[in-house]
Amino acid sequence: MISYAPLWETMKRKDATTYTLQVKGGISSSTVRRLKAGESVSTNTLDALCAILDCDLSDIIVYEKTGLSR
């Protein structure tokens, strides 16, 4: 499962808000809602987040193993 927990920590560390994401990066409010809900977003969105926050992908998302196997 992909978690956006690092995103919120990175935003806090960089003093950024969801408003910052929307205004500086053109991230839509519906995408911000998807991030808050832990839903999937596009790789273009992840790329934009890294650019806006000047960080690496690992500062945005983390993969957390679940008990489910495929």
PDB file of N, CA and C in Angstrom:
ATOM      1  N   MET A   1       0.835  -1.174   0.000  1.00  0.00           N
ATOM      2  CA  MET A   1       0.000   0.000   0.000  1.00  0.00           C
ATOM      3  C   MET A   1       0.885   1.244   0.000  1.00  0.00           C
ATOM      4  N   ILE A   2       0.529   2.215  -0.796  1.00  0.00           N
ATOM      5  CA  ILE A   2       1.251   3.476  -0.856  1.00  0.00           C
ATOM      6  C   ILE A   2       0.694   4.416   0.216  1.00  0.00           C
ATOM      7  N   SER A   3       1.588   5.015   0.974  1.00  0.00           N
ATOM      8  CA  SER A   3       1.195   5.978   2.000  1.00  0.00           C
ATOM      9  C   SER A   3       1.789   7.338   1.661  1.00  0.00           C
ATOM     10  N   TYR A   4       0.990   8.371   1.877  1.00  0.00           N
ATOM     11  CA  TYR A   4       1.447   9.743   1.652  1.00  0.00           C
ATOM     12  C   TYR A   4       1.906  10.397   2.950  1.00  0.00           C
ATOM     13  N   ALA A   5       2.106   9.624   3.996  1.00  0.00           N
ATOM     14  CA  ALA A   5       2.548  10.180   5.277  1.00  0.00           C
ATOM     15  C   ALA A   5       3.806  11.043   5.136  1.00  0.00           C
ATOM     16  N   PRO A   6       4.797  10.611   4.330  1.00  0.00           N
ATOM     17  CA  PRO A   6       5.982  11.469   4.183  1.00  0.00           C
ATOM     18  C   PRO A   6       5.665  12.833   3.563  1.00  0.00           C
ATOM     19  N   LEU A   7       4.649  12.890   2.706  1.00  0.00           N
ATOM     20  CA  LEU A   7       4.267  14.167   2.085  1.00  0.00           C
ATOM     21  C   LEU A   7       3.903  15.191   3.138  1.00  0.00           C
ATOM     22  N   TRP A   8       3.068  14.785   4.084  1.00  0.00           N
ATOM     23  CA  TRP A   8       2.599  15.739   5.100  1.00  0.00           C
ATOM     24  C   TRP A   8       3.748  16.201   5.999  1.00  0.00           C
ATOM     25  N   GLU A   9       4.676  15.294   6.287  1.00  0.00           N
ATOM     26  CA  GLU A   9       5.854  15.668   7.080  1.00  0.00           C
ATOM     27  C   GLU A   9       6.756  16.622   6.289  1.00  0.00           C
ATOM     28  N   THR A  10       6.943  16.335   5.012  1.00  0.00           N
ATOM     29  CA  THR A  10       7.765  17.198   4.157  1.00  0.00           C
ATOM     30  C   THR A  10       7.133  18.575   4.032  1.00  0.00           C
ATOM     31  N   MET A  11       5.831  18.607   3.858  1.00  0.00           N
ATOM     32  CA  MET A  11       5.145  19.898   3.768  1.00  0.00           C
ATOM     33  C   MET A  11       5.311  20.691   5.057  1.00  0.00           C
ATOM     34  N   LYS A  12       5.193  20.016   6.187  1.00  0.00           N
ATOM     35  CA  LYS A  12       5.358  20.687   7.476  1.00  0.00           C
ATOM     36  C   LYS A  12       6.780  21.237   7.602  1.00  0.00           C
ATOM     37  N   ARG A  13       7.755  20.416   7.246  1.00  0.00           N
ATOM     38  CA  ARG A  13       9.159  20.803   7.341  1.00  0.00           C
ATOM     39  C   ARG A  13       9.474  21.997   6.429  1.00  0.00           C
ATOM     40  N   LYS A  14       8.818  22.044   5.279  1.00  0.00           N
ATOM     41  CA  LYS A  14       9.081  23.111   4.310  1.00  0.00           C
ATOM     42  C   LYS A  14       8.084  24.258   4.428  1.00  0.00           C
ATOM     43  N   ASP A  15       7.251  24.198   5.458  1.00  0.00           N
ATOM     44  CA  ASP A  15       6.273  25.255   5.725  1.00  0.00           C
ATOM     45  C   ASP A  15       5.346  25.478   4.528  1.00  0.00           C
ATOM     46  N   ALA A  16       4.883  24.381   3.933  1.00  0.00           N
ATOM     47  CA  ALA A  16       3.975  24.436   2.786  1.00  0.00           C
ATOM     48  C   ALA A  16       2.583  23.966   3.216  1.00  0.00           C
ATOM     49  N   THR A  17       1.583  24.474   2.544  1.00  0.00           N
ATOM     50  CA  THR A  17       0.199  24.090   2.821  1.00  0.00           C
ATOM     51  C   THR A  17      -0.413  23.507   1.548  1.00  0.00           C
ATOM     52  N   THR A  18      -1.610  22.984   1.668  1.00  0.00           N
ATOM     53  CA  THR A  18      -2.288  22.495   0.473  1.00  0.00           C
ATOM     54  C   THR A  18      -2.561  23.658  -0.482  1.00  0.00           C
ATOM     55  N   TYR A  19      -2.730  24.842   0.059  1.00  0.00           N
ATOM     56  CA  TYR A  19      -2.892  26.036  -0.779  1.00  0.00           C
ATOM     57  C   TYR A  19      -1.629  26.251  -1.617  1.00  0.00           C
ATOM     58  N   THR A  20      -0.465  26.040  -1.007  1.00  0.00           N
ATOM     59  CA  THR A  20       0.807  26.147  -1.723  1.00  0.00           C
ATOM     60  C   THR A  20       0.826  25.185  -2.907  1.00  0.00           C
ATOM     61  N   LEU A  21       0.387  23.956  -2.673  1.00  0.00           N
ATOM     62  CA  LEU A  21       0.372  22.955  -3.740  1.00  0.00           C
ATOM     63  C   LEU A  21      -0.536  23.395  -4.877  1.00  0.00           C
ATOM     64  N   GLN A  22      -1.664  23.964  -4.523  1.00  0.00           N
ATOM     65  CA  GLN A  22      -2.633  24.363  -5.539  1.00  0.00           C
ATOM     66  C   GLN A  22      -2.164  25.588  -6.321  1.00  0.00           C
ATOM     67  N   VAL A  23      -1.639  26.584  -5.633  1.00  0.00           N
ATOM     68  CA  VAL A  23      -1.253  27.835  -6.291  1.00  0.00           C
ATOM     69  C   VAL A  23       0.091  27.712  -7.003  1.00  0.00           C
ATOM     70  N   LYS A  24       1.106  27.187  -6.323  1.00  0.00           N
ATOM     71  CA  LYS A  24       2.436  27.100  -6.924  1.00  0.00           C
ATOM     72  C   LYS A  24       2.554  25.977  -7.946  1.00  0.00           C
ATOM     73  N   GLY A  25       1.831  24.898  -7.707  1.00  0.00           N
ATOM     74  CA  GLY A  25       2.030  23.738  -8.564  1.00  0.00           C
ATOM     75  C   GLY A  25       0.861  23.367  -9.434  1.00  0.00           C
ATOM     76  N   GLY A  26      -0.226  24.080  -9.294  1.00  0.00           N
ATOM     77  CA  GLY A  26      -1.381  23.752 -10.108  1.00  0.00           C
ATOM     78  C   GLY A  26      -2.029  22.419  -9.758  1.00  0.00           C
ATOM     79  N   ILE A  27      -1.830  21.967  -8.533  1.00  0.00           N
ATOM     80  CA  ILE A  27      -2.459  20.736  -8.071  1.00  0.00           C
ATOM     81  C   ILE A  27      -3.930  21.060  -7.772  1.00  0.00           C
ATOM     82  N   SER A  28      -4.835  20.317  -8.366  1.00  0.00           N
ATOM     83  CA  SER A  28      -6.259  20.610  -8.194  1.00  0.00           C
ATOM     84  C   SER A  28      -6.734  20.254  -6.786  1.00  0.00           C
ATOM     85  N   SER A  29      -7.832  20.863  -6.389  1.00  0.00           N
ATOM     86  CA  SER A  29      -8.394  20.569  -5.075  1.00  0.00           C
ATOM     87  C   SER A  29      -8.856  19.121  -4.998  1.00  0.00           C
ATOM     88  N   SER A  30      -9.305  18.555  -6.110  1.00  0.00           N
ATOM     89  CA  SER A  30      -9.726  17.150  -6.098  1.00  0.00           C
ATOM     90  C   SER A  30      -8.521  16.223  -5.906  1.00  0.00           C
ATOM     91  N   THR A  31      -7.370  16.607  -6.438  1.00  0.00           N
ATOM     92  CA  THR A  31      -6.161  15.806  -6.236  1.00  0.00           C
ATOM     93  C   THR A  31      -5.699  15.907  -4.793  1.00  0.00           C
ATOM     94  N   VAL A  32      -5.785  17.087  -4.212  1.00  0.00           N
ATOM     95  CA  VAL A  32      -5.436  17.252  -2.795  1.00  0.00           C
ATOM     96  C   VAL A  32      -6.355  16.376  -1.949  1.00  0.00           C
ATOM     97  N   ARG A  33      -7.638  16.344  -2.287  1.00  0.00           N
ATOM     98  CA  ARG A  33      -8.584  15.490  -1.571  1.00  0.00           C
ATOM     99  C   ARG A  33      -8.175  14.028  -1.696  1.00  0.00           C
ATOM    100  N   ARG A  34      -7.756  13.603  -2.891  1.00  0.00           N
ATOM    101  CA  ARG A  34      -7.326  12.216  -3.103  1.00  0.00           C
ATOM    102  C   ARG A  34      -6.082  11.903  -2.255  1.00  0.00           C
ATOM    103  N   LEU A  35      -5.162  12.832  -2.185  1.00  0.00           N
ATOM    104  CA  LEU A  35      -3.962  12.640  -1.356  1.00  0.00           C
ATOM    105  C   LEU A  35      -4.340  12.491   0.109  1.00  0.00           C
ATOM    106  N   LYS A  36      -5.221  13.354   0.583  1.00  0.00           N
ATOM    107  CA  LYS A  36      -5.655  13.296   1.983  1.00  0.00           C
ATOM    108  C   LYS A  36      -6.357  11.985   2.297  1.00  0.00           C
ATOM    109  N   ALA A  37      -7.070  11.445   1.307  1.00  0.00           N
ATOM    110  CA  ALA A  37      -7.810  10.195   1.502  1.00  0.00           C
ATOM    111  C   ALA A  37      -6.935   8.966   1.262  1.00  0.00           C
ATOM    112  N   GLY A  38      -5.691   9.183   0.855  1.00  0.00           N
ATOM    113  CA  GLY A  38      -4.791   8.055   0.604  1.00  0.00           C
ATOM    114  C   GLY A  38      -5.109   7.315  -0.682  1.00  0.00           C
ATOM    115  N   GLU A  39      -5.776   7.987  -1.610  1.00  0.00           N
ATOM    116  CA  GLU A  39      -6.134   7.370  -2.883  1.00  0.00           C
ATOM    117  C   GLU A  39      -5.007   7.569  -3.900  1.00  0.00           C
ATOM    118  N   SER A  40      -5.082   6.844  -4.996  1.00  0.00           N
ATOM    119  CA  SER A  40      -4.014   6.915  -5.992  1.00  0.00           C
ATOM    120  C   SER A  40      -4.045   8.251  -6.748  1.00  0.00           C
ATOM    121  N   VAL A  41      -2.858   8.692  -7.123  1.00  0.00           N
ATOM    122  CA  VAL A  41      -2.693   9.872  -7.966  1.00  0.00           C
ATOM    123  C   VAL A  41      -1.718   9.509  -9.078  1.00  0.00           C
ATOM    124  N   SER A  42      -1.667  10.323 -10.095  1.00  0.00           N
ATOM    125  CA  SER A  42      -0.816  10.023 -11.241  1.00  0.00           C
ATOM    126  C   SER A  42       0.660  10.272 -10.936  1.00  0.00           C
ATOM    127  N   THR A  43       1.503   9.674 -11.761  1.00  0.00           N
ATOM    128  CA  THR A  43       2.937   9.933 -11.626  1.00  0.00           C
ATOM    129  C   THR A  43       3.243  11.386 -11.984  1.00  0.00           C
ATOM    130  N   ASN A  44       2.437  11.991 -12.835  1.00  0.00           N
ATOM    131  CA  ASN A  44       2.611  13.421 -13.137  1.00  0.00           C
ATOM    132  C   ASN A  44       2.399  14.252 -11.880  1.00  0.00           C
ATOM    133  N   THR A  45       1.427  13.871 -11.070  1.00  0.00           N
ATOM    134  CA  THR A  45       1.172  14.578  -9.806  1.00  0.00           C
ATOM    135  C   THR A  45       2.349  14.401  -8.864  1.00  0.00           C
ATOM    136  N   LEU A  46       2.858  13.183  -8.759  1.00  0.00           N
ATOM    137  CA  LEU A  46       4.013  12.934  -7.889  1.00  0.00           C
ATOM    138  C   LEU A  46       5.211  13.757  -8.352  1.00  0.00           C
ATOM    139  N   ASP A  47       5.414  13.831  -9.662  1.00  0.00           N
ATOM    140  CA  ASP A  47       6.494  14.632 -10.224  1.00  0.00           C
ATOM    141  C   ASP A  47       6.313  16.105  -9.860  1.00  0.00           C
ATOM    142  N   ALA A  48       5.087  16.606  -9.992  1.00  0.00           N
ATOM    143  CA  ALA A  48       4.805  18.004  -9.654  1.00  0.00           C
ATOM    144  C   ALA A  48       5.043  18.276  -8.171  1.00  0.00           C
ATOM    145  N   LEU A  49       4.642  17.343  -7.317  1.00  0.00           N
ATOM    146  CA  LEU A  49       4.864  17.514  -5.879  1.00  0.00           C
ATOM    147  C   LEU A  49       6.351  17.605  -5.561  1.00  0.00           C
ATOM    148  N   CYS A  50       7.145  16.738  -6.189  1.00  0.00           N
ATOM    149  CA  CYS A  50       8.597  16.779  -5.967  1.00  0.00           C
ATOM    150  C   CYS A  50       9.175  18.121  -6.419  1.00  0.00           C
ATOM    151  N   ALA A  51       8.684  18.633  -7.543  1.00  0.00           N
ATOM    152  CA  ALA A  51       9.166  19.925  -8.047  1.00  0.00           C
ATOM    153  C   ALA A  51       8.752  21.069  -7.123  1.00  0.00           C
ATOM    154  N   ILE A  52       7.505  21.067  -6.705  1.00  0.00           N
ATOM    155  CA  ILE A  52       6.990  22.141  -5.837  1.00  0.00           C
ATOM    156  C   ILE A  52       7.752  22.176  -4.515  1.00  0.00           C
ATOM    157  N   LEU A  53       7.964  20.997  -3.945  1.00  0.00           N
ATOM    158  CA  LEU A  53       8.581  20.906  -2.615  1.00  0.00           C
ATOM    159  C   LEU A  53      10.096  20.739  -2.675  1.00  0.00           C
ATOM    160  N   ASP A  54      10.645  20.671  -3.896  1.00  0.00           N
ATOM    161  CA  ASP A  54      12.086  20.494  -4.092  1.00  0.00           C
ATOM    162  C   ASP A  54      12.602  19.324  -3.243  1.00  0.00           C
ATOM    163  N   CYS A  55      12.040  18.142  -3.531  1.00  0.00           N
ATOM    164  CA  CYS A  55      12.380  16.972  -2.737  1.00  0.00           C
ATOM    165  C   CYS A  55      12.392  15.719  -3.626  1.00  0.00           C
ATOM    166  N   ASP A  56      12.732  14.593  -3.036  1.00  0.00           N
ATOM    167  CA  ASP A  56      12.743  13.314  -3.736  1.00  0.00           C
ATOM    168  C   ASP A  56      11.411  12.602  -3.539  1.00  0.00           C
ATOM    169  N   LEU A  57      11.170  11.613  -4.369  1.00  0.00           N
ATOM    170  CA  LEU A  57       9.935  10.840  -4.276  1.00  0.00           C
ATOM    171  C   LEU A  57       9.776  10.206  -2.894  1.00  0.00           C
ATOM    172  N   SER A  58      10.881   9.792  -2.297  1.00  0.00           N
ATOM    173  CA  SER A  58      10.818   9.177  -0.966  1.00  0.00           C
ATOM    174  C   SER A  58      10.368  10.165   0.111  1.00  0.00           C
ATOM    175  N   ASP A  59      10.403  11.458  -0.204  1.00  0.00           N
ATOM    176  CA  ASP A  59       9.901  12.477   0.716  1.00  0.00           C
ATOM    177  C   ASP A  59       8.398  12.689   0.552  1.00  0.00           C
ATOM    178  N   ILE A  60       7.801  11.983  -0.421  1.00  0.00           N
ATOM    179  CA  ILE A  60       6.382  12.148  -0.740  1.00  0.00           C
ATOM    180  C   ILE A  60       5.581  10.889  -0.411  1.00  0.00           C
ATOM    181  N   ILE A  61       6.121   9.743  -0.800  1.00  0.00           N
ATOM    182  CA  ILE A  61       5.402   8.476  -0.614  1.00  0.00           C
ATOM    183  C   ILE A  61       6.309   7.412  -0.011  1.00  0.00           C
ATOM    184  N   VAL A  62       5.659   6.413   0.561  1.00  0.00           N
ATOM    185  CA  VAL A  62       6.366   5.242   1.066  1.00  0.00           C
ATOM    186  C   VAL A  62       5.472   4.032   0.815  1.00  0.00           C
ATOM    187  N   TYR A  63       6.103   2.919   0.512  1.00  0.00           N
ATOM    188  CA  TYR A  63       5.357   1.682   0.322  1.00  0.00           C
ATOM    189  C   TYR A  63       5.307   0.950   1.651  1.00  0.00           C
ATOM    190  N   GLU A  64       4.100   0.619   2.090  1.00  0.00           N
ATOM    191  CA  GLU A  64       3.920  -0.125   3.334  1.00  0.00           C
ATOM    192  C   GLU A  64       3.332  -1.481   2.994  1.00  0.00           C
ATOM    193  N   LYS A  65       4.029  -2.531   3.387  1.00  0.00           N
ATOM    194  CA  LYS A  65       3.545  -3.884   3.115  1.00  0.00           C
ATOM    195  C   LYS A  65       2.290  -4.139   3.928  1.00  0.00           C
ATOM    196  N   THR A  66       1.388  -4.861   3.308  1.00  0.00           N
ATOM    197  CA  THR A  66       0.172  -5.286   3.998  1.00  0.00           C
ATOM    198  C   THR A  66       0.228  -6.785   4.159  1.00  0.00           C
ATOM    199  N   GLY A  67      -0.691  -7.325   4.896  1.00  0.00           N
ATOM    200  CA  GLY A  67      -0.733  -8.769   5.121  1.00  0.00           C
ATOM    201  C   GLY A  67      -1.227  -9.560   3.929  1.00  0.00           C
ATOM    202  N   LEU A  68      -1.657  -8.848   2.893  1.00  0.00           N
ATOM    203  CA  LEU A  68      -2.189  -9.509   1.711  1.00  0.00           C
ATOM    204  C   LEU A  68      -1.081  -9.920   0.764  1.00  0.00           C
ATOM    205  N   SER A  69      -1.191 -11.087   0.207  1.00  0.00           N
ATOM    206  CA  SER A  69      -0.227 -11.506  -0.804  1.00  0.00           C
ATOM    207  C   SER A  69      -0.982 -11.795  -2.075  1.00  0.00           C
ATOM    208  N   ARG A  70      -0.336 -11.593  -3.183  1.00  0.00           N
ATOM    209  CA  ARG A  70      -1.006 -11.796  -4.480  1.00  0.00           C
ATOM    210  C   ARG A  70      -0.553 -13.058  -5.128  1.00  0.00           C
TER     211      ARG A  70
END
